[in-house]
PDB file of N, CA and C in Angstrom:
ATOM      1  N   MET A   1      21.103 -10.749 -12.641  1.00  0.00           N
ATOM      2  CA  MET A   1      21.669 -11.040 -11.343  1.00  0.00           C
ATOM      3  C   MET A   1      20.522 -11.436 -10.407  1.00  0.00           C
ATOM      4  N   LYS A   2      20.664 -12.570  -9.751  1.00  0.00           N
ATOM      5  CA  LYS A   2      19.625 -13.034  -8.836  1.00  0.00           C
ATOM      6  C   LYS A   2      20.018 -12.705  -7.411  1.00  0.00           C
ATOM      7  N   PHE A   3      19.016 -12.528  -6.577  1.00  0.00           N
ATOM      8  CA  PHE A   3      19.224 -12.086  -5.210  1.00  0.00           C
ATOM      9  C   PHE A   3      18.571 -13.046  -4.246  1.00  0.00           C
ATOM     10  N   MET A   4      19.133 -13.144  -3.086  1.00  0.00           N
ATOM     11  CA  MET A   4      18.535 -13.947  -2.019  1.00  0.00           C
ATOM     12  C   MET A   4      18.051 -12.985  -0.946  1.00  0.00           C
ATOM     13  N   ALA A   5      16.914 -13.295  -0.398  1.00  0.00           N
ATOM     14  CA  ALA A   5      16.379 -12.452   0.661  1.00  0.00           C
ATOM     15  C   ALA A   5      15.756 -13.348   1.716  1.00  0.00           C
ATOM     16  N   HIS A   6      15.936 -12.968   2.969  1.00  0.00           N
ATOM     17  CA  HIS A   6      15.307 -13.721   4.049  1.00  0.00           C
ATOM     18  C   HIS A   6      13.801 -13.558   3.980  1.00  0.00           C
ATOM     19  N   ASN A   7      13.366 -12.359   3.709  1.00  0.00           N
ATOM     20  CA  ASN A   7      11.948 -12.075   3.524  1.00  0.00           C
ATOM     21  C   ASN A   7      11.747 -11.719   2.065  1.00  0.00           C
ATOM     22  N   PRO A   8      10.900 -12.462   1.361  1.00  0.00           N
ATOM     23  CA  PRO A   8      10.727 -12.164  -0.065  1.00  0.00           C
ATOM     24  C   PRO A   8      10.119 -10.788  -0.288  1.00  0.00           C
ATOM     25  N   ILE A   9      10.423 -10.228  -1.433  1.00  0.00           N
ATOM     26  CA  ILE A   9       9.809  -8.975  -1.850  1.00  0.00           C
ATOM     27  C   ILE A   9       8.469  -9.340  -2.481  1.00  0.00           C
ATOM     28  N   ILE A  10       7.405  -8.713  -1.995  1.00  0.00           N
ATOM     29  CA  ILE A  10       6.059  -9.031  -2.443  1.00  0.00           C
ATOM     30  C   ILE A  10       5.646  -8.063  -3.556  1.00  0.00           C
ATOM     31  N   VAL A  11       5.369  -8.619  -4.724  1.00  0.00           N
ATOM     32  CA  VAL A  11       4.903  -7.853  -5.865  1.00  0.00           C
ATOM     33  C   VAL A  11       3.428  -8.215  -6.059  1.00  0.00           C
ATOM     34  N   GLU A  12       2.548  -7.236  -5.831  1.00  0.00           N
ATOM     35  CA  GLU A  12       1.110  -7.466  -5.958  1.00  0.00           C
ATOM     36  C   GLU A  12       0.593  -6.720  -7.176  1.00  0.00           C
ATOM     37  N   ILE A  13      -0.018  -7.476  -8.093  1.00  0.00           N
ATOM     38  CA  ILE A  13      -0.536  -6.917  -9.330  1.00  0.00           C
ATOM     39  C   ILE A  13      -2.061  -6.885  -9.215  1.00  0.00           C
ATOM     40  N   PHE A  14      -2.615  -5.677  -9.199  1.00  0.00           N
ATOM     41  CA  PHE A  14      -4.046  -5.481  -9.016  1.00  0.00           C
ATOM     42  C   PHE A  14      -4.696  -5.164 -10.359  1.00  0.00           C
ATOM     43  N   THR A  15      -5.733  -5.931 -10.698  1.00  0.00           N
ATOM     44  CA  THR A  15      -6.418  -5.751 -11.978  1.00  0.00           C
ATOM     45  C   THR A  15      -7.931  -5.827 -11.775  1.00  0.00           C
ATOM     46  N   ILE A  16      -8.634  -5.476 -12.828  1.00  0.00           N
ATOM     47  CA  ILE A  16     -10.087  -5.644 -12.825  1.00  0.00           C
ATOM     48  C   ILE A  16     -10.396  -7.022 -13.407  1.00  0.00           C
ATOM     49  N   PRO A  17     -11.572  -7.576 -13.103  1.00  0.00           N
ATOM     50  CA  PRO A  17     -11.931  -8.886 -13.677  1.00  0.00           C
ATOM     51  C   PRO A  17     -11.994  -8.824 -15.204  1.00  0.00           C
ATOM     52  N   GLN A  18     -11.687  -9.937 -15.826  1.00  0.00           N
ATOM     53  CA  GLN A  18     -11.711 -10.044 -17.280  1.00  0.00           C
ATOM     54  C   GLN A  18     -13.151  -9.978 -17.778  1.00  0.00           C
ATOM     55  N   ALA A  19     -13.404  -9.172 -18.779  1.00  0.00           N
ATOM     56  CA  ALA A  19     -14.736  -9.078 -19.370  1.00  0.00           C
ATOM     57  C   ALA A  19     -15.018 -10.326 -20.209  1.00  0.00           C
ATOM     58  N   ALA A  20     -16.257 -10.775 -20.189  1.00  0.00           N
ATOM     59  CA  ALA A  20     -16.625 -11.977 -20.939  1.00  0.00           C
ATOM     60  C   ALA A  20     -16.356 -11.822 -22.434  1.00  0.00           C
ATOM     61  N   CYS A  21     -16.511 -10.617 -22.966  1.00  0.00           N
ATOM     62  CA  CYS A  21     -16.298 -10.407 -24.399  1.00  0.00           C
ATOM     63  C   CYS A  21     -14.820 -10.432 -24.778  1.00  0.00           C
ATOM     64  N   ASP A  22     -13.928 -10.417 -23.814  1.00  0.00           N
ATOM     65  CA  ASP A  22     -12.486 -10.436 -24.077  1.00  0.00           C
ATOM     66  C   ASP A  22     -11.890 -11.827 -23.932  1.00  0.00           C
ATOM     67  N   ALA A  23     -12.700 -12.865 -23.975  1.00  0.00           N
ATOM     68  CA  ALA A  23     -12.235 -14.221 -23.677  1.00  0.00           C
ATOM     69  C   ALA A  23     -11.109 -14.708 -24.592  1.00  0.00           C
ATOM     70  N   ASN A  24     -11.020 -14.200 -25.822  1.00  0.00           N
ATOM     71  CA  ASN A  24      -9.992 -14.661 -26.750  1.00  0.00           C
ATOM     72  C   ASN A  24      -8.687 -13.878 -26.631  1.00  0.00           C
ATOM     73  N   LYS A  25      -8.686 -12.838 -25.834  1.00  0.00           N
ATOM     74  CA  LYS A  25      -7.479 -12.030 -25.647  1.00  0.00           C
ATOM     75  C   LYS A  25      -6.703 -12.549 -24.438  1.00  0.00           C
ATOM     76  N   ALA A  26      -5.424 -12.181 -24.374  1.00  0.00           N
ATOM     77  CA  ALA A  26      -4.648 -12.491 -23.169  1.00  0.00           C
ATOM     78  C   ALA A  26      -5.337 -11.815 -21.991  1.00  0.00           C
ATOM     79  N   ASN A  27      -5.405 -12.506 -20.875  1.00  0.00           N
ATOM     80  CA  ASN A  27      -6.090 -11.929 -19.723  1.00  0.00           C
ATOM     81  C   ASN A  27      -5.083 -11.445 -18.678  1.00  0.00           C
ATOM     82  N   TRP A  28      -5.603 -10.801 -17.650  1.00  0.00           N
ATOM     83  CA  TRP A  28      -4.725 -10.231 -16.621  1.00  0.00           C
ATOM     84  C   TRP A  28      -3.974 -11.313 -15.866  1.00  0.00           C
ATOM     85  N   GLN A  29      -4.586 -12.468 -15.664  1.00  0.00           N
ATOM     86  CA  GLN A  29      -3.887 -13.561 -14.984  1.00  0.00           C
ATOM     87  C   GLN A  29      -2.655 -13.969 -15.778  1.00  0.00           C
ATOM     88  N   GLN A  30      -2.808 -14.089 -17.090  1.00  0.00           N
ATOM     89  CA  GLN A  30      -1.671 -14.440 -17.945  1.00  0.00           C
ATOM     90  C   GLN A  30      -0.604 -13.354 -17.920  1.00  0.00           C
ATOM     91  N   ALA A  31      -1.037 -12.093 -17.935  1.00  0.00           N
ATOM     92  CA  ALA A  31      -0.077 -10.984 -17.867  1.00  0.00           C
ATOM     93  C   ALA A  31       0.675 -11.008 -16.543  1.00  0.00           C
ATOM     94  N   ALA A  32      -0.032 -11.262 -15.444  1.00  0.00           N
ATOM     95  CA  ALA A  32       0.615 -11.317 -14.128  1.00  0.00           C
ATOM     96  C   ALA A  32       1.609 -12.473 -14.058  1.00  0.00           C
ATOM     97  N   GLN A  33       1.255 -13.606 -14.656  1.00  0.00           N
ATOM     98  CA  GLN A  33       2.176 -14.749 -14.675  1.00  0.00           C
ATOM     99  C   GLN A  33       3.437 -14.416 -15.464  1.00  0.00           C
ATOM    100  N   MET A  34       3.275 -13.720 -16.596  1.00  0.00           N
ATOM    101  CA  MET A  34       4.426 -13.325 -17.401  1.00  0.00           C
ATOM    102  C   MET A  34       5.340 -12.380 -16.616  1.00  0.00           C
ATOM    103  N   VAL A  35       4.735 -11.412 -15.935  1.00  0.00           N
ATOM    104  CA  VAL A  35       5.510 -10.478 -15.114  1.00  0.00           C
ATOM    105  C   VAL A  35       6.258 -11.254 -14.032  1.00  0.00           C
ATOM    106  N   GLY A  36       5.568 -12.173 -13.377  1.00  0.00           N
ATOM    107  CA  GLY A  36       6.204 -12.980 -12.334  1.00  0.00           C
ATOM    108  C   GLY A  36       7.393 -13.774 -12.859  1.00  0.00           C
ATOM    109  N   ARG A  37       7.236 -14.385 -14.041  1.00  0.00           N
ATOM    110  CA  ARG A  37       8.347 -15.153 -14.638  1.00  0.00           C
ATOM    111  C   ARG A  37       9.545 -14.250 -14.932  1.00  0.00           C
ATOM    112  N   GLN A  38       9.271 -13.074 -15.492  1.00  0.00           N
ATOM    113  CA  GLN A  38      10.369 -12.161 -15.832  1.00  0.00           C
ATOM    114  C   GLN A  38      11.086 -11.657 -14.577  1.00  0.00           C
ATOM    115  N   LEU A  39      10.323 -11.344 -13.541  1.00  0.00           N
ATOM    116  CA  LEU A  39      10.947 -10.859 -12.301  1.00  0.00           C
ATOM    117  C   LEU A  39      11.742 -11.965 -11.620  1.00  0.00           C
ATOM    118  N   LYS A  40      11.212 -13.190 -11.618  1.00  0.00           N
ATOM    119  CA  LYS A  40      11.954 -14.313 -11.017  1.00  0.00           C
ATOM    120  C   LYS A  40      13.223 -14.611 -11.808  1.00  0.00           C
ATOM    121  N   ALA A  41      13.161 -14.470 -13.134  1.00  0.00           N
ATOM    122  CA  ALA A  41      14.355 -14.697 -13.951  1.00  0.00           C
ATOM    123  C   ALA A  41      15.437 -13.680 -13.611  1.00  0.00           C
ATOM    124  N   ARG A  42      15.014 -12.474 -13.284  1.00  0.00           N
ATOM    125  CA  ARG A  42      15.983 -11.411 -12.983  1.00  0.00           C
ATOM    126  C   ARG A  42      16.435 -11.433 -11.528  1.00  0.00           C
ATOM    127  N   PHE A  43      15.493 -11.620 -10.606  1.00  0.00           N
ATOM    128  CA  PHE A  43      15.794 -11.474  -9.182  1.00  0.00           C
ATOM    129  C   PHE A  43      15.776 -12.787  -8.396  1.00  0.00           C
ATOM    130  N   GLY A  44      15.343 -13.874  -9.017  1.00  0.00           N
ATOM    131  CA  GLY A  44      15.337 -15.166  -8.351  1.00  0.00           C
ATOM    132  C   GLY A  44      14.204 -15.323  -7.349  1.00  0.00           C
ATOM    133  N   GLU A  45      14.436 -16.191  -6.406  1.00  0.00           N
ATOM    134  CA  GLU A  45      13.406 -16.544  -5.426  1.00  0.00           C
ATOM    135  C   GLU A  45      13.148 -15.452  -4.395  1.00  0.00           C
ATOM    136  N   ALA A  46      13.837 -14.336  -4.512  1.00  0.00           N
ATOM    137  CA  ALA A  46      13.605 -13.215  -3.600  1.00  0.00           C
ATOM    138  C   ALA A  46      12.271 -12.533  -3.890  1.00  0.00           C
ATOM    139  N   ILE A  47      11.618 -12.918  -5.006  1.00  0.00           N
ATOM    140  CA  ILE A  47      10.385 -12.266  -5.437  1.00  0.00           C
ATOM    141  C   ILE A  47       9.195 -13.210  -5.266  1.00  0.00           C
ATOM    142  N   CYS A  48       8.123 -12.680  -4.710  1.00  0.00           N
ATOM    143  CA  CYS A  48       6.856 -13.404  -4.604  1.00  0.00           C
ATOM    144  C   CYS A  48       5.802 -12.546  -5.299  1.00  0.00           C
ATOM    145  N   THR A  49       5.260 -13.045  -6.411  1.00  0.00           N
ATOM    146  CA  THR A  49       4.292 -12.292  -7.195  1.00  0.00           C
ATOM    147  C   THR A  49       2.880 -12.799  -6.928  1.00  0.00           C
ATOM    148  N   LYS A  50       1.960 -11.857  -6.745  1.00  0.00           N
ATOM    149  CA  LYS A  50       0.555 -12.200  -6.509  1.00  0.00           C
ATOM    150  C   LYS A  50      -0.314 -11.389  -7.461  1.00  0.00           C
ATOM    151  N   HIS A  51      -1.312 -12.047  -8.039  1.00  0.00           N
ATOM    152  CA  HIS A  51      -2.296 -11.355  -8.867  1.00  0.00           C
ATOM    153  C   HIS A  51      -3.576 -11.251  -8.057  1.00  0.00           C
ATOM    154  N   ILE A  52      -4.107 -10.029  -7.939  1.00  0.00           N
ATOM    155  CA  ILE A  52      -5.306  -9.802  -7.135  1.00  0.00           C
ATOM    156  C   ILE A  52      -6.329  -9.041  -7.981  1.00  0.00           C
ATOM    157  N   GLU A  53      -7.493  -9.652  -8.154  1.00  0.00           N
ATOM    158  CA  GLU A  53      -8.565  -8.999  -8.902  1.00  0.00           C
ATOM    159  C   GLU A  53      -9.403  -8.126  -7.987  1.00  0.00           C
ATOM    160  N   PHE A  54      -9.847  -7.009  -8.521  1.00  0.00           N
ATOM    161  CA  PHE A  54     -10.742  -6.091  -7.822  1.00  0.00           C
ATOM    162  C   PHE A  54     -11.986  -6.854  -7.360  1.00  0.00           C
ATOM    163  N   LEU A  55     -12.373  -6.610  -6.123  1.00  0.00           N
ATOM    164  CA  LEU A  55     -13.536  -7.193  -5.461  1.00  0.00           C
ATOM    165  C   LEU A  55     -13.396  -8.683  -5.135  1.00  0.00           C
ATOM    166  N   SER A  56     -12.209  -9.231  -5.267  1.00  0.00           N
ATOM    167  CA  SER A  56     -11.982 -10.623  -4.857  1.00  0.00           C
ATOM    168  C   SER A  56     -11.750 -10.668  -3.347  1.00  0.00           C
ATOM    169  N   LYS A  57     -11.720 -11.867  -2.797  1.00  0.00           N
ATOM    170  CA  LYS A  57     -11.450 -12.051  -1.371  1.00  0.00           C
ATOM    171  C   LYS A  57     -10.109 -11.398  -1.002  1.00  0.00           C
ATOM    172  N   GLU A  58      -9.095 -11.610  -1.844  1.00  0.00           N
ATOM    173  CA  GLU A  58      -7.756 -11.045  -1.587  1.00  0.00           C
ATOM    174  C   GLU A  58      -7.789  -9.522  -1.614  1.00  0.00           C
ATOM    175  N   TRP A  59      -8.627  -8.952  -2.499  1.00  0.00           N
ATOM    176  CA  TRP A  59      -8.757  -7.495  -2.580  1.00  0.00           C
ATOM    177  C   TRP A  59      -9.230  -6.939  -1.243  1.00  0.00           C
ATOM    178  N   PHE A  60     -10.273  -7.535  -0.693  1.00  0.00           N
ATOM    179  CA  PHE A  60     -10.849  -7.032   0.550  1.00  0.00           C
ATOM    180  C   PHE A  60      -9.913  -7.223   1.746  1.00  0.00           C
ATOM    181  N   GLN A  61      -8.941  -8.112   1.622  1.00  0.00           N
ATOM    182  CA  GLN A  61      -7.974  -8.330   2.696  1.00  0.00           C
ATOM    183  C   GLN A  61      -6.795  -7.365   2.618  1.00  0.00           C
ATOM    184  N   ASN A  62      -6.695  -6.589   1.557  1.00  0.00           N
ATOM    185  CA  ASN A  62      -5.544  -5.703   1.353  1.00  0.00           C
ATOM    186  C   ASN A  62      -5.938  -4.257   1.639  1.00  0.00           C
ATOM    187  N   GLU A  63      -5.755  -3.827   2.870  1.00  0.00           N
ATOM    188  CA  GLU A  63      -6.141  -2.474   3.287  1.00  0.00           C
ATOM    189  C   GLU A  63      -5.367  -1.392   2.541  1.00  0.00           C
ATOM    190  N   LYS A  64      -4.093  -1.618   2.300  1.00  0.00           N
ATOM    191  CA  LYS A  64      -3.256  -0.621   1.614  1.00  0.00           C
ATOM    192  C   LYS A  64      -3.812  -0.318   0.218  1.00  0.00           C
ATOM    193  N   ALA A  65      -4.116  -1.350  -0.534  1.00  0.00           N
ATOM    194  CA  ALA A  65      -4.628  -1.158  -1.892  1.00  0.00           C
ATOM    195  C   ALA A  65      -5.974  -0.445  -1.878  1.00  0.00           C
ATOM    196  N   LYS A  66      -6.846  -0.835  -0.969  1.00  0.00           N
ATOM    197  CA  LYS A  66      -8.161  -0.191  -0.887  1.00  0.00           C
ATOM    198  C   LYS A  66      -8.016   1.292  -0.575  1.00  0.00           C
ATOM    199  N   LYS A  67      -7.130   1.639   0.358  1.00  0.00           N
ATOM    200  CA  LYS A  67      -6.943   3.043   0.728  1.00  0.00           C
ATOM    201  C   LYS A  67      -6.388   3.859  -0.429  1.00  0.00           C
ATOM    202  N   ILE A  68      -5.428   3.299  -1.153  1.00  0.00           N
ATOM    203  CA  ILE A  68      -4.831   4.005  -2.290  1.00  0.00           C
ATOM    204  C   ILE A  68      -5.884   4.261  -3.361  1.00  0.00           C
ATOM    205  N   LEU A  69      -6.691   3.247  -3.680  1.00  0.00           N
ATOM    206  CA  LEU A  69      -7.714   3.410  -4.708  1.00  0.00           C
ATOM    207  C   LEU A  69      -8.791   4.387  -4.261  1.00  0.00           C
ATOM    208  N   GLU A  70      -9.238   4.273  -3.019  1.00  0.00           N
ATOM    209  CA  GLU A  70     -10.272   5.167  -2.509  1.00  0.00           C
ATOM    210  C   GLU A  70      -9.815   6.613  -2.472  1.00  0.00           C
ATOM    211  N   ALA A  71      -8.518   6.833  -2.297  1.00  0.00           N
ATOM    212  CA  ALA A  71      -7.977   8.190  -2.278  1.00  0.00           C
ATOM    213  C   ALA A  71      -7.905   8.792  -3.678  1.00  0.00           C
ATOM    214  N   GLY A  72      -8.163   7.970  -4.693  1.00  0.00           N
ATOM    215  CA  GLY A  72      -8.136   8.465  -6.066  1.00  0.00           C
ATOM    216  C   GLY A  72      -6.735   8.654  -6.610  1.00  0.00           C
ATOM    217  N   GLU A  73      -5.750   8.043  -5.962  1.00  0.00           N
ATOM    218  CA  GLU A  73      -4.357   8.211  -6.373  1.00  0.00           C
ATOM    219  C   GLU A  73      -4.008   7.393  -7.608  1.00  0.00           C
ATOM    220  N   ILE A  74      -4.760   6.331  -7.860  1.00  0.00           N
ATOM    221  CA  ILE A  74      -4.406   5.416  -8.939  1.00  0.00           C
ATOM    222  C   ILE A  74      -5.651   4.844  -9.582  1.00  0.00           C
ATOM    223  N   ASN A  75      -5.435   4.114 -10.666  1.00  0.00           N
ATOM    224  CA  ASN A  75      -6.485   3.390 -11.347  1.00  0.00           C
ATOM    225  C   ASN A  75      -5.924   2.023 -11.716  1.00  0.00           C
ATOM    226  N   PHE A  76      -6.761   1.145 -12.222  1.00  0.00           N
ATOM    227  CA  PHE A  76      -6.315  -0.203 -12.591  1.00  0.00           C
ATOM    228  C   PHE A  76      -5.689  -0.219 -13.964  1.00  0.00           C
ATOM    229  N   PRO A  77      -4.745  -1.126 -14.218  1.00  0.00           N
ATOM    230  CA  PRO A  77      -4.071  -1.968 -13.241  1.00  0.00           C
ATOM    231  C   PRO A  77      -3.022  -1.162 -12.487  1.00  0.00           C
ATOM    232  N   PHE A  78      -2.667  -1.643 -11.304  1.00  0.00           N
ATOM    233  CA  PHE A  78      -1.565  -1.040 -10.566  1.00  0.00           C
ATOM    234  C   PHE A  78      -0.790  -2.124  -9.853  1.00  0.00           C
ATOM    235  N   VAL A  79       0.456  -1.785  -9.507  1.00  0.00           N
ATOM    236  CA  VAL A  79       1.353  -2.762  -8.897  1.00  0.00           C
ATOM    237  C   VAL A  79       1.957  -2.169  -7.637  1.00  0.00           C
ATOM    238  N   LEU A  80       1.889  -2.934  -6.546  1.00  0.00           N
ATOM    239  CA  LEU A  80       2.557  -2.573  -5.302  1.00  0.00           C
ATOM    240  C   LEU A  80       3.738  -3.507  -5.093  1.00  0.00           C
ATOM    241  N   VAL A  81       4.856  -2.936  -4.677  1.00  0.00           N
ATOM    242  CA  VAL A  81       6.033  -3.713  -4.310  1.00  0.00           C
ATOM    243  C   VAL A  81       6.290  -3.434  -2.840  1.00  0.00           C
ATOM    244  N   ASN A  82       6.106  -4.452  -2.022  1.00  0.00           N
ATOM    245  CA  ASN A  82       6.192  -4.294  -0.565  1.00  0.00           C
ATOM    246  C   ASN A  82       5.347  -3.110  -0.084  1.00  0.00           C
ATOM    247  N   GLY A  83       4.158  -2.963  -0.685  1.00  0.00           N
ATOM    248  CA  GLY A  83       3.222  -1.932  -0.261  1.00  0.00           C
ATOM    249  C   GLY A  83       3.431  -0.563  -0.873  1.00  0.00           C
ATOM    250  N   LYS A  84       4.470  -0.402  -1.697  1.00  0.00           N
ATOM    251  CA  LYS A  84       4.721   0.884  -2.362  1.00  0.00           C
ATOM    252  C   LYS A  84       4.275   0.809  -3.813  1.00  0.00           C
ATOM    253  N   VAL A  85       3.690   1.887  -4.315  1.00  0.00           N
ATOM    254  CA  VAL A  85       3.229   1.911  -5.705  1.00  0.00           C
ATOM    255  C   VAL A  85       4.438   1.883  -6.633  1.00  0.00           C
ATOM    256  N   ALA A  86       4.494   0.844  -7.474  1.00  0.00           N
ATOM    257  CA  ALA A  86       5.562   0.736  -8.467  1.00  0.00           C
ATOM    258  C   ALA A  86       5.105   1.316  -9.798  1.00  0.00           C
ATOM    259  N   CYS A  87       3.861   1.045 -10.157  1.00  0.00           N
ATOM    260  CA  CYS A  87       3.308   1.627 -11.378  1.00  0.00           C
ATOM    261  C   CYS A  87       1.793   1.648 -11.285  1.00  0.00           C
ATOM    262  N   ALA A  88       1.226   2.694 -11.845  1.00  0.00           N
ATOM    263  CA  ALA A  88      -0.222   2.880 -11.848  1.00  0.00           C
ATOM    264  C   ALA A  88      -0.607   3.717 -13.061  1.00  0.00           C
ATOM    265  N   ASP A  89      -0.020   3.374 -14.191  1.00  0.00           N
ATOM    266  CA  ASP A  89      -0.168   4.162 -15.417  1.00  0.00           C
ATOM    267  C   ASP A  89      -1.111   3.518 -16.421  1.00  0.00           C
ATOM    268  N   LYS A  90      -2.084   2.757 -15.949  1.00  0.00           N
ATOM    269  CA  LYS A  90      -3.033   2.045 -16.803  1.00  0.00           C
ATOM    270  C   LYS A  90      -2.367   0.922 -17.582  1.00  0.00           C
ATOM    271  N   LYS A  91      -1.153   0.567 -17.207  1.00  0.00           N
ATOM    272  CA  LYS A  91      -0.476  -0.599 -17.770  1.00  0.00           C
ATOM    273  C   LYS A  91       0.564  -1.069 -16.761  1.00  0.00           C
ATOM    274  N   ILE A  92       0.988  -2.292 -16.920  1.00  0.00           N
ATOM    275  CA  ILE A  92       1.993  -2.850 -16.030  1.00  0.00           C
ATOM    276  C   ILE A  92       3.362  -2.600 -16.652  1.00  0.00           C
ATOM    277  N   SER A  93       4.238  -1.947 -15.901  1.00  0.00           N
ATOM    278  CA  SER A  93       5.570  -1.602 -16.406  1.00  0.00           C
ATOM    279  C   SER A  93       6.635  -2.402 -15.656  1.00  0.00           C
ATOM    280  N   ILE A  94       7.199  -3.398 -16.327  1.00  0.00           N
ATOM    281  CA  ILE A  94       8.249  -4.198 -15.700  1.00  0.00           C
ATOM    282  C   ILE A  94       9.467  -3.344 -15.360  1.00  0.00           C
ATOM    283  N   PRO A  95       9.886  -2.397 -16.218  1.00  0.00           N
ATOM    284  CA  PRO A  95      11.022  -1.541 -15.834  1.00  0.00           C
ATOM    285  C   PRO A  95      10.763  -0.745 -14.545  1.00  0.00           C
ATOM    286  N   LYS A  96       9.545  -0.234 -14.363  1.00  0.00           N
ATOM    287  CA  LYS A  96       9.242   0.512 -13.140  1.00  0.00           C
ATOM    288  C   LYS A  96       9.222  -0.411 -11.920  1.00  0.00           C
ATOM    289  N   ILE A  97       8.669  -1.605 -12.088  1.00  0.00           N
ATOM    290  CA  ILE A  97       8.662  -2.575 -10.989  1.00  0.00           C
ATOM    291  C   ILE A  97      10.102  -2.948 -10.635  1.00  0.00           C
ATOM    292  N   SER A  98      10.905  -3.226 -11.643  1.00  0.00           N
ATOM    293  CA  SER A  98      12.311  -3.608 -11.420  1.00  0.00           C
ATOM    294  C   SER A  98      13.097  -2.499 -10.736  1.00  0.00           C
ATOM    295  N   LYS A  99      12.822  -1.248 -11.115  1.00  0.00           N
ATOM    296  CA  LYS A  99      13.531  -0.128 -10.484  1.00  0.00           C
ATOM    297  C   LYS A  99      13.241  -0.086  -8.989  1.00  0.00           C
ATOM    298  N   LEU A 100      11.980  -0.243  -8.611  1.00  0.00           N
ATOM    299  CA  LEU A 100      11.643  -0.223  -7.183  1.00  0.00           C
ATOM    300  C   LEU A 100      12.261  -1.413  -6.461  1.00  0.00           C
ATOM    301  N   ILE A 101      12.276  -2.573  -7.100  1.00  0.00           N
ATOM    302  CA  ILE A 101      12.927  -3.744  -6.485  1.00  0.00           C
ATOM    303  C   ILE A 101      14.419  -3.482  -6.316  1.00  0.00           C
ATOM    304  N   ASN A 102      15.054  -2.926  -7.349  1.00  0.00           N
ATOM    305  CA  ASN A 102      16.474  -2.579  -7.242  1.00  0.00           C
ATOM    306  C   ASN A 102      16.712  -1.616  -6.096  1.00  0.00           C
ATOM    307  N   ASP A 103      15.825  -0.636  -5.935  1.00  0.00           N
ATOM    308  CA  ASP A 103      15.947   0.319  -4.826  1.00  0.00           C
ATOM    309  C   ASP A 103      15.855  -0.401  -3.474  1.00  0.00           C
ATOM    310  N   LEU A 104      14.967  -1.386  -3.385  1.00  0.00           N
ATOM    311  CA  LEU A 104      14.834  -2.149  -2.143  1.00  0.00           C
ATOM    312  C   LEU A 104      16.093  -2.962  -1.844  1.00  0.00           C
ATOM    313  N   PHE A 105      16.744  -3.433  -2.904  1.00  0.00           N
ATOM    314  CA  PHE A 105      18.004  -4.170  -2.742  1.00  0.00           C
ATOM    315  C   PHE A 105      19.203  -3.236  -2.633  1.00  0.00           C
ATOM    316  N   ASN A 106      18.945  -1.916  -2.711  1.00  0.00           N
ATOM    317  CA  ASN A 106      20.006  -0.903  -2.659  1.00  0.00           C
ATOM    318  C   ASN A 106      21.038  -1.091  -3.757  1.00  0.00           C
ATOM    319  N   ILE A 107      20.551  -1.305  -4.974  1.00  0.00           N
ATOM    320  CA  ILE A 107      21.469  -1.496  -6.109  1.00  0.00           C
ATOM    321  C   ILE A 107      21.665  -0.157  -6.804  1.00  0.00           C
TER     322      ILE A 107
END
C-alpha cells in the first residue's frame, strides 16, 4: 500500500566509510539504495531516503545523529526515521524501519 504525504518521511541511514579492502563486497551505499527502493515500493513517494557516512559533510550537519552517537546509545549502522531511531542493531532492519513508518502513518 502506497501513501501520500505533504511532508515526506525522512529515512536517514548512517554508516561508516567503506574499507578499501572490502572493495569487492556490496557497500553501504548499495545497501542504502536497496533499502530506499524497498521502502518506496511499499510506501511510495512519501519516503525520502538519505545515506550519510560518518564524518561526511552531511554527518556534521546532523545534530540529532551526533548527539545520539556521542551519548553511546547506538553504534553503526543506524537508521533514523524523522529523527527517531528505527534500528541500531549493527545491521539495517527493513521490518523495524517499516514498523516506525507505519506508526507515523498511524496504521
